[in-house]
Amino acid sequence: MKPLRSSFLGRIWVRFGLHIAGTLLVTMALLTGSVMVFSEIQQRDFHRSLPAEVRAELEELEARGEEEGPRAMAIYAEYWRGDVWFSEKWSLALGLLICLPIGLGVGFFVSRVISLPLASMAEAATKVAAGDFTMRAQPMHNKGEMAEMVHHFNQMIDALEKTARERKATTASISHELRTPLAVLQARLHAICDGVIQVDAAESRLLLDQVEHLGRLVADLQTLSMAEAGYLSLQLEPLDLVEMVREDMASYANRLEQHHMALELALPSAPHFAVIKADRGRMRQILFNLLENALRHAKQGRWLGVEVLLDTAVNEVVLSVSDAGPGMSAALLAEPFQRFPHAPGHSGEGLGLGLSIVRALTERQGGSVQVRNREEGGTCFTLRFPAAEIVRA
């Protein structure tokens, strides 16, 4: 937490007020000084205009502290030729002539210092509006609220730049993913039309696989887009996560056998131990995507661990899916849930949307997801959901 004094003095209105108050004090001091200087000049001129014996008498009276006595007033009344109001007007005019340019100069300087970051932000906003994300606003010498505003403004530009970059990468990746099955379909159908390839069950199966591939891609994109936009319909209801995982893993046993994956299932036996409020269909989709990710990228480890537990310290239900594969690279681990993490043309399996869907569906249901590399090798995905309040018998 910032110290109270620094945070208070860092506020724009406080700093602006202090600068204006300082400018006024300096102006008043200059005005007072000019009046005093003008009065001193008049006093000296008056002394010089006195006869020698009268000047000596007045100086003696001033030395005794009687400069306002009857005799001193009589001397002033007899020999003073100036107009008191006229002299004060001249002193005020002289003071204003001195203070006005100084006050204006200080005021313009203060305004310029305070407005420089705003001008920088306006210039950067103009560039961003034109699609140029290379420019950033500068706080100049400002601190406090103004510097924080510039910092947040630059963070907003960073986010916009990242979004634009991801949109371009996503467009390129989608184009690539669509191009491959479409090219296969086009080539095979042309061959069928030309009589080069005979239509049989095997050929129909190949064409159907390409169509299903396109369907999965479109479905995944639709799910991800709707989830991120907040338009995905969810039927939230109390869900026993232990029961759901046990049923899904039993139906998934054959697929694990096909990939020679050993399953280590850690589920509590107590009923209603890990109940959350979630959409059963979407939770199955999350689990399916995590399992398919393990089969796709970690099948050489030949081990899969699934665990459900209740973190009583924060009242959260935790679902963990681990594997013994090679783990994630540092680049992928930095942004594991990015859409299409591989560049177009990557020869790896999958569309690169599974983990993005996992995060989107998890967060839409009030949960969170993290991934880390295990010390034993492989990766571990950890999902946390708030435990639902249920009546226990």
Protein backbone atom coordinates (compact mmCIF):
# COMPACT_ATOMS: atom_id res chain seq x y z
CA MET A 1 0.00 0.00 0.00
CA LYS A 2 1.23 3.47 -0.85
CA PRO A 3 1.93 5.90 2.02
CA LEU A 4 -0.99 8.22 2.72
CA ARG A 5 1.12 11.34 2.24
CA SER A 6 2.46 10.31 -1.17
CA SER A 7 -0.92 9.08 -2.40
CA PHE A 8 -2.63 12.31 -1.25
CA LEU A 9 -0.01 14.60 -2.79
CA GLY A 10 -0.11 12.51 -5.97
CA ARG A 11 -3.73 13.45 -6.69
CA ILE A 12 -4.17 15.78 -9.65
CA TRP A 13 -6.45 18.28 -7.92
CA VAL A 14 -4.10 18.52 -4.91
CA ARG A 15 -1.02 19.11 -7.05
CA PHE A 16 -2.83 21.59 -9.29
CA GLY A 17 -4.13 23.47 -6.24
CA LEU A 18 -0.66 23.58 -4.68
CA HIS A 19 0.82 24.95 -7.90
CA ILE A 20 -1.86 27.65 -8.16
CA ALA A 21 -1.47 28.56 -4.49
CA GLY A 22 2.29 28.81 -4.94
CA THR A 23 1.82 31.00 -8.00
CA LEU A 24 -0.51 33.32 -6.06
CA LEU A 25 1.91 33.56 -3.13
CA VAL A 26 4.80 34.42 -5.43
CA THR A 27 2.67 37.01 -7.23
CA MET A 28 1.55 38.59 -3.96
CA ALA A 29 5.13 38.65 -2.70
CA LEU A 30 6.31 40.34 -5.88
CA LEU A 31 3.48 42.87 -5.69
CA THR A 32 4.23 43.67 -2.06
CA GLY A 33 7.92 43.93 -2.80
CA SER A 34 7.33 46.30 -5.70
CA VAL A 35 5.14 48.55 -3.52
CA MET A 36 7.81 48.61 -0.84
CA VAL A 37 10.57 49.36 -3.33
CA PHE A 38 8.54 52.18 -4.90
CA SER A 39 7.80 53.64 -1.46
CA GLU A 40 11.48 53.45 -0.53
CA ILE A 41 12.43 55.30 -3.70
CA GLN A 42 9.89 58.04 -2.95
CA GLN A 43 11.15 58.33 0.62
CA ARG A 44 14.73 58.76 -0.55
CA ASP A 45 13.69 61.37 -3.10
CA PHE A 46 11.83 63.26 -0.36
CA HIS A 47 14.89 63.24 1.91
CA ARG A 48 17.10 64.57 -0.89
CA SER A 49 14.66 67.40 -1.60
CA LEU A 50 14.75 68.70 2.01
CA PRO A 51 17.03 71.59 3.03
CA ALA A 52 20.16 70.40 4.77
CA GLU A 53 19.14 71.60 8.24
CA VAL A 54 15.61 70.15 7.92
CA ARG A 55 16.96 66.82 6.60
CA ALA A 56 19.34 66.65 9.56
CA GLU A 57 16.47 67.38 11.95
CA LEU A 58 14.26 64.67 10.35
CA GLU A 59 17.05 62.11 10.47
CA GLU A 60 17.56 62.90 14.16
CA LEU A 61 13.82 62.43 14.80
CA GLU A 62 13.87 59.09 12.94
CA ALA A 63 16.91 58.02 14.95
CA ARG A 64 14.98 58.70 18.18
CA GLY A 65 11.96 56.80 16.85
CA GLU A 66 9.83 59.88 16.48
CA GLU A 67 9.29 59.66 12.70
CA GLU A 68 5.55 59.79 13.30
CA GLY A 69 5.70 62.48 15.95
CA PRO A 70 4.15 65.97 15.67
CA ARG A 71 7.36 67.63 14.45
CA ALA A 72 7.99 64.92 11.79
CA MET A 73 4.38 65.20 10.58
CA ALA A 74 4.80 68.97 10.36
CA ILE A 75 7.92 68.56 8.22
CA TYR A 76 6.07 66.13 5.90
CA ALA A 77 3.13 68.49 5.68
CA GLU A 78 5.36 71.44 4.79
CA TYR A 79 7.79 69.82 2.35
CA TRP A 80 5.95 66.77 0.87
CA ARG A 81 4.94 67.52 -2.71
CA GLY A 82 3.76 64.09 -3.83
CA ASP A 83 0.24 62.66 -3.96
CA VAL A 84 -0.04 59.66 -1.65
CA TRP A 85 -2.81 57.97 -3.70
CA PHE A 86 -1.00 58.75 -6.92
CA SER A 87 2.18 57.13 -5.66
CA GLU A 88 0.33 54.04 -4.46
CA LYS A 89 -1.40 53.69 -7.83
CA TRP A 90 1.95 53.88 -9.56
CA SER A 91 3.42 51.29 -7.20
CA LEU A 92 0.45 48.99 -7.82
CA ALA A 93 0.73 49.50 -11.57
CA LEU A 94 4.45 48.79 -11.43
CA GLY A 95 3.81 45.70 -9.34
CA LEU A 96 1.20 44.42 -11.79
CA LEU A 97 3.55 45.01 -14.72
CA ILE A 98 6.11 42.86 -12.95
CA CYS A 99 3.73 40.19 -11.62
CA LEU A 100 1.49 39.75 -14.66
CA PRO A 101 4.08 38.21 -17.02
CA ILE A 102 5.55 36.13 -14.21
CA GLY A 103 2.12 34.87 -13.13
CA LEU A 104 1.11 34.11 -16.70
CA GLY A 105 4.39 32.34 -17.35
CA VAL A 106 4.10 30.17 -14.23
CA GLY A 107 0.44 29.43 -14.96
CA PHE A 108 1.16 28.36 -18.53
CA PHE A 109 4.10 26.26 -17.32
CA VAL A 110 2.00 24.47 -14.70
CA SER A 111 -0.84 23.88 -17.18
CA ARG A 112 1.61 22.55 -19.74
CA VAL A 113 3.25 20.18 -17.27
CA ILE A 114 -0.12 18.79 -16.18
CA SER A 115 -1.56 18.56 -19.71
CA LEU A 116 1.48 16.97 -21.40
CA PRO A 117 0.44 13.39 -20.47
CA LEU A 118 -3.10 14.12 -21.72
CA ALA A 119 -1.70 15.37 -25.02
CA SER A 120 0.47 12.26 -25.23
CA MET A 121 -2.56 10.05 -24.58
CA ALA A 122 -4.59 11.89 -27.22
CA GLU A 123 -1.80 11.39 -29.78
CA ALA A 124 -1.51 7.70 -28.90
CA ALA A 125 -5.31 7.27 -29.10
CA THR A 126 -5.29 8.78 -32.59
CA LYS A 127 -2.64 6.25 -33.66
CA VAL A 128 -4.58 3.36 -32.12
CA ALA A 129 -7.78 4.48 -33.88
CA ALA A 130 -5.85 4.24 -37.15
CA GLY A 131 -4.70 0.69 -36.30
CA ASP A 132 -1.16 1.59 -35.20
CA PHE A 133 -0.40 0.01 -31.80
CA THR A 134 3.30 0.95 -31.68
CA MET A 135 2.90 4.25 -29.82
CA ARG A 136 2.54 4.57 -26.04
CA ALA A 137 1.61 7.57 -23.89
CA GLN A 138 4.33 9.11 -21.72
CA PRO A 139 3.75 10.29 -18.12
CA MET A 140 6.55 12.86 -18.49
CA HIS A 141 7.47 14.11 -15.00
CA ASN A 142 4.03 13.52 -13.52
CA LYS A 143 3.46 11.14 -10.64
CA GLY A 144 0.47 9.88 -8.69
CA GLU A 145 -2.93 9.69 -10.37
CA MET A 146 -1.75 11.06 -13.71
CA ALA A 147 1.09 8.53 -13.96
CA GLU A 148 -1.30 5.72 -12.99
CA MET A 149 -3.80 6.85 -15.62
CA VAL A 150 -1.09 6.84 -18.30
CA HIS A 151 0.05 3.40 -17.12
CA HIS A 152 -3.49 1.97 -17.33
CA PHE A 153 -3.97 3.64 -20.72
CA ASN A 154 -0.84 1.91 -22.01
CA GLN A 155 -2.06 -1.38 -20.54
CA MET A 156 -5.28 -0.93 -22.50
CA ILE A 157 -3.27 -0.42 -25.71
CA ASP A 158 -1.23 -3.55 -24.89
CA ALA A 159 -4.46 -5.52 -24.49
CA LEU A 160 -5.85 -4.16 -27.76
CA GLU A 161 -2.60 -4.98 -29.54
CA LYS A 162 -2.63 -8.51 -28.13
CA THR A 163 -6.27 -8.97 -29.16
CA ALA A 164 -5.56 -7.75 -32.68
CA ARG A 165 -2.53 -10.02 -32.93
CA GLU A 166 -4.52 -13.02 -31.67
CA ARG A 167 -7.35 -12.23 -34.07
CA LYS A 168 -4.95 -12.25 -37.02
CA ALA A 169 -3.32 -15.46 -35.81
CA THR A 170 -6.72 -17.07 -35.24
CA THR A 171 -7.89 -16.09 -38.72
CA ALA A 172 -4.75 -17.54 -40.27
CA SER A 173 -5.04 -20.76 -38.22
CA ILE A 174 -8.74 -21.20 -38.98
CA SER A 175 -8.04 -20.69 -42.66
CA HIS A 176 -5.37 -23.38 -42.52
CA GLU A 177 -7.54 -25.81 -40.56
CA LEU A 178 -10.41 -25.35 -43.00
CA ARG A 179 -8.22 -25.54 -46.07
CA THR A 180 -6.91 -29.05 -45.40
CA PRO A 181 -10.21 -31.00 -45.14
CA LEU A 182 -11.79 -28.89 -47.87
CA ALA A 183 -8.85 -29.64 -50.17
CA VAL A 184 -9.17 -33.36 -49.42
CA LEU A 185 -12.91 -33.30 -50.03
CA GLN A 186 -12.51 -31.34 -53.26
CA ALA A 187 -9.80 -33.61 -54.62
CA ARG A 188 -11.61 -36.85 -53.74
CA LEU A 189 -14.95 -35.63 -55.10
CA HIS A 190 -13.34 -34.51 -58.35
CA ALA A 191 -11.75 -37.93 -58.63
CA ILE A 192 -15.10 -39.59 -58.02
CA CYS A 193 -16.78 -37.40 -60.64
CA ASP A 194 -14.04 -38.23 -63.15
CA GLY A 195 -14.40 -41.96 -62.44
CA VAL A 196 -10.85 -42.25 -61.10
CA ILE A 197 -12.05 -43.37 -57.66
CA GLN A 198 -14.91 -45.80 -57.12
CA VAL A 199 -17.39 -44.91 -54.39
CA ASP A 200 -17.30 -47.65 -51.74
CA ALA A 201 -17.62 -47.86 -47.96
CA ALA A 202 -13.96 -47.01 -47.36
CA GLU A 203 -14.10 -43.92 -49.58
CA SER A 204 -17.36 -42.79 -47.98
CA ARG A 205 -15.78 -43.26 -44.56
CA LEU A 206 -12.82 -41.07 -45.55
CA LEU A 207 -15.08 -38.31 -46.84
CA LEU A 208 -17.23 -38.53 -43.70
CA ASP A 209 -14.13 -38.17 -41.52
CA GLN A 210 -13.25 -34.92 -43.26
CA VAL A 211 -16.81 -33.61 -42.85
CA GLU A 212 -16.78 -34.55 -39.16
CA HIS A 213 -13.45 -32.77 -38.80
CA LEU A 214 -15.02 -29.61 -40.22
CA GLY A 215 -18.03 -30.04 -37.96
CA ARG A 216 -15.86 -30.35 -34.85
CA LEU A 217 -13.91 -27.25 -35.79
CA VAL A 218 -17.07 -25.20 -36.34
CA ALA A 219 -18.65 -26.52 -33.11
CA ASP A 220 -15.53 -25.76 -31.08
CA LEU A 221 -15.29 -22.24 -32.49
CA GLN A 222 -18.97 -21.64 -31.77
CA THR A 223 -18.66 -22.91 -28.19
CA LEU A 224 -15.57 -20.85 -27.51
CA SER A 225 -16.98 -17.68 -29.05
CA MET A 226 -20.29 -17.94 -27.19
CA ALA A 227 -18.55 -18.69 -23.89
CA GLU A 228 -16.18 -15.74 -24.17
CA ALA A 229 -19.04 -13.44 -25.23
CA GLY A 230 -21.17 -14.58 -22.29
CA TYR A 231 -23.96 -15.94 -24.49
CA LEU A 232 -23.44 -19.64 -23.75
CA SER A 233 -26.53 -21.14 -22.17
CA LEU A 234 -25.80 -23.08 -18.98
CA GLN A 235 -28.13 -25.18 -16.87
CA LEU A 236 -26.52 -24.81 -13.48
CA GLU A 237 -27.62 -27.37 -10.92
CA PRO A 238 -26.08 -29.25 -7.99
CA LEU A 239 -23.65 -31.77 -9.46
CA ASP A 240 -21.80 -34.50 -7.59
CA LEU A 241 -18.41 -34.23 -9.33
CA VAL A 242 -17.20 -37.55 -7.87
CA GLU A 243 -20.18 -39.44 -9.29
CA MET A 244 -19.83 -37.74 -12.68
CA VAL A 245 -16.10 -38.47 -12.96
CA ARG A 246 -16.60 -42.11 -11.91
CA GLU A 247 -19.27 -42.64 -14.60
CA ASP A 248 -17.32 -40.83 -17.34
CA MET A 249 -14.06 -42.64 -16.63
CA ALA A 250 -15.89 -46.00 -16.74
CA SER A 251 -17.25 -45.15 -20.20
CA TYR A 252 -13.79 -43.92 -21.25
CA ALA A 253 -12.00 -47.16 -20.23
CA ASN A 254 -11.98 -48.69 -23.73
CA ARG A 255 -10.37 -45.61 -25.27
CA LEU A 256 -7.67 -45.61 -22.59
CA GLU A 257 -7.02 -49.29 -23.30
CA GLN A 258 -6.61 -48.57 -26.99
CA HIS A 259 -3.82 -46.12 -26.14
CA HIS A 260 -2.33 -48.44 -23.50
CA MET A 261 -2.86 -45.80 -20.79
CA ALA A 262 -2.99 -46.91 -17.15
CA LEU A 263 -5.60 -45.00 -15.14
CA GLU A 264 -5.04 -43.99 -11.52
CA LEU A 265 -8.38 -42.79 -10.15
CA ALA A 266 -8.46 -41.07 -6.74
CA LEU A 267 -12.06 -40.44 -5.70
CA PRO A 268 -13.49 -40.15 -2.18
CA SER A 269 -16.09 -42.75 -1.26
CA ALA A 270 -18.27 -40.48 0.87
CA PRO A 271 -21.55 -39.49 -0.83
CA HIS A 272 -22.12 -35.83 -1.68
CA PHE A 273 -18.51 -35.15 -0.81
CA ALA A 274 -17.74 -32.84 -3.75
CA VAL A 275 -20.93 -31.16 -4.92
CA ILE A 276 -20.69 -28.09 -7.13
CA LYS A 277 -23.21 -25.97 -9.02
CA ALA A 278 -22.50 -26.59 -12.69
CA ASP A 279 -23.84 -27.71 -16.05
CA ARG A 280 -23.41 -31.48 -16.32
CA GLY A 281 -22.99 -31.45 -20.11
CA ARG A 282 -20.37 -28.71 -20.03
CA MET A 283 -18.49 -30.41 -17.20
CA ARG A 284 -18.36 -33.59 -19.28
CA GLN A 285 -17.01 -31.52 -22.18
CA ILE A 286 -14.30 -30.07 -19.93
CA LEU A 287 -13.25 -33.52 -18.70
CA PHE A 288 -13.37 -34.96 -22.24
CA ASN A 289 -11.12 -32.20 -23.59
CA LEU A 290 -8.57 -32.73 -20.80
CA LEU A 291 -8.53 -36.49 -21.39
CA GLU A 292 -8.19 -36.09 -25.14
CA ASN A 293 -5.36 -33.61 -24.62
CA ALA A 294 -3.53 -36.18 -22.49
CA LEU A 295 -4.08 -38.95 -25.04
CA ARG A 296 -2.91 -36.71 -27.86
CA HIS A 297 0.23 -35.28 -26.29
CA ALA A 298 1.22 -37.62 -23.43
CA LYS A 299 0.35 -41.13 -24.59
CA GLN A 300 4.02 -42.12 -24.49
CA GLY A 301 3.90 -41.78 -20.70
CA ARG A 302 1.24 -44.54 -20.57
CA TRP A 303 -0.24 -43.12 -17.33
CA LEU A 304 -3.20 -40.90 -16.52
CA GLY A 305 -4.19 -39.66 -13.09
CA VAL A 306 -7.60 -38.22 -12.21
CA GLU A 307 -8.32 -36.96 -8.71
CA VAL A 308 -11.21 -35.17 -6.99
CA LEU A 309 -10.86 -33.68 -3.51
CA LEU A 310 -12.41 -31.01 -1.30
CA ASP A 311 -10.20 -28.12 -0.19
CA THR A 312 -11.90 -27.29 3.11
CA ALA A 313 -9.64 -24.28 3.73
CA VAL A 314 -11.28 -22.32 0.89
CA ASN A 315 -14.42 -24.51 0.47
CA GLU A 316 -13.57 -25.49 -3.10
CA VAL A 317 -13.86 -28.74 -5.03
CA VAL A 318 -10.64 -29.58 -6.89
CA LEU A 319 -10.44 -31.71 -10.03
CA SER A 320 -6.94 -32.69 -11.20
CA VAL A 321 -5.99 -34.44 -14.45
CA SER A 322 -2.32 -35.46 -14.69
CA ASP A 323 -0.18 -37.33 -17.19
CA ALA A 324 3.37 -38.63 -17.49
CA GLY A 325 4.18 -37.17 -20.89
CA PRO A 326 6.98 -34.77 -21.88
CA GLY A 327 5.28 -31.78 -20.27
CA MET A 328 4.81 -28.34 -21.78
CA SER A 329 7.54 -26.16 -23.17
CA ALA A 330 8.24 -22.85 -21.48
CA ALA A 331 6.55 -20.97 -24.33
CA LEU A 332 3.36 -23.03 -24.13
CA LEU A 333 3.36 -22.98 -20.33
CA ALA A 334 3.37 -19.18 -20.42
CA GLU A 335 0.05 -19.17 -22.36
CA PRO A 336 -1.32 -22.72 -22.18
CA PHE A 337 -4.93 -21.77 -22.98
CA GLN A 338 -4.23 -19.70 -26.08
CA ARG A 339 -6.25 -20.43 -29.20
CA PHE A 340 -4.27 -22.22 -31.90
CA PRO A 341 -0.99 -22.18 -29.95
CA HIS A 342 0.93 -23.57 -32.94
CA ALA A 343 1.65 -21.63 -36.10
CA PRO A 344 -0.38 -22.47 -39.21
CA GLY A 345 1.07 -25.54 -40.87
CA HIS A 346 2.03 -27.22 -37.60
CA SER A 347 1.93 -30.94 -38.10
CA GLY A 348 0.81 -31.80 -34.58
CA GLU A 349 -2.55 -33.37 -33.82
CA GLY A 350 -5.58 -31.37 -32.76
CA LEU A 351 -7.03 -28.01 -33.58
CA GLY A 352 -5.56 -26.12 -30.63
CA LEU A 353 -8.98 -25.16 -29.23
CA GLY A 354 -9.51 -27.83 -26.57
CA LEU A 355 -7.70 -26.11 -23.71
CA SER A 356 -9.17 -22.73 -24.65
CA ILE A 357 -12.63 -24.29 -24.33
CA VAL A 358 -11.67 -25.81 -20.97
CA ARG A 359 -10.74 -22.42 -19.56
CA ALA A 360 -13.76 -20.63 -21.05
CA LEU A 361 -16.27 -23.20 -19.75
CA THR A 362 -14.59 -23.40 -16.35
CA GLU A 363 -14.60 -19.65 -15.82
CA ARG A 364 -18.19 -19.34 -17.07
CA GLN A 365 -19.21 -21.72 -14.27
CA GLY A 366 -17.38 -19.74 -11.59
CA GLY A 367 -14.25 -21.86 -11.49
CA SER A 368 -10.58 -21.43 -12.28
CA VAL A 369 -7.98 -23.58 -14.02
CA GLN A 370 -4.19 -23.73 -13.77
CA VAL A 371 -1.59 -25.95 -15.40
CA ARG A 372 1.93 -26.85 -14.30
CA ASN A 373 4.65 -29.32 -15.20
CA ARG A 374 4.96 -32.16 -12.70
CA GLU A 375 8.30 -32.87 -11.05
CA GLU A 376 7.89 -36.53 -12.03
CA GLY A 377 7.31 -35.50 -15.65
CA GLY A 378 4.21 -34.57 -17.53
CA THR A 379 1.58 -31.95 -16.84
CA CYS A 380 -1.11 -31.44 -14.24
CA PHE A 381 -4.32 -29.49 -14.90
CA THR A 382 -6.04 -28.30 -11.72
CA LEU A 383 -9.61 -27.02 -11.81
CA ARG A 384 -11.25 -25.39 -8.79
CA PHE A 385 -14.98 -24.81 -8.31
CA PRO A 386 -16.82 -23.30 -5.32
CA ALA A 387 -18.41 -26.07 -3.28
CA ALA A 388 -22.22 -25.95 -3.34
CA GLU A 389 -24.08 -25.63 -0.05
CA ILE A 390 -26.24 -28.75 0.27
CA VAL A 391 -28.22 -30.26 3.11
CA ARG A 392 -26.42 -33.32 4.42
CA ALA A 393 -28.36 -36.12 6.06
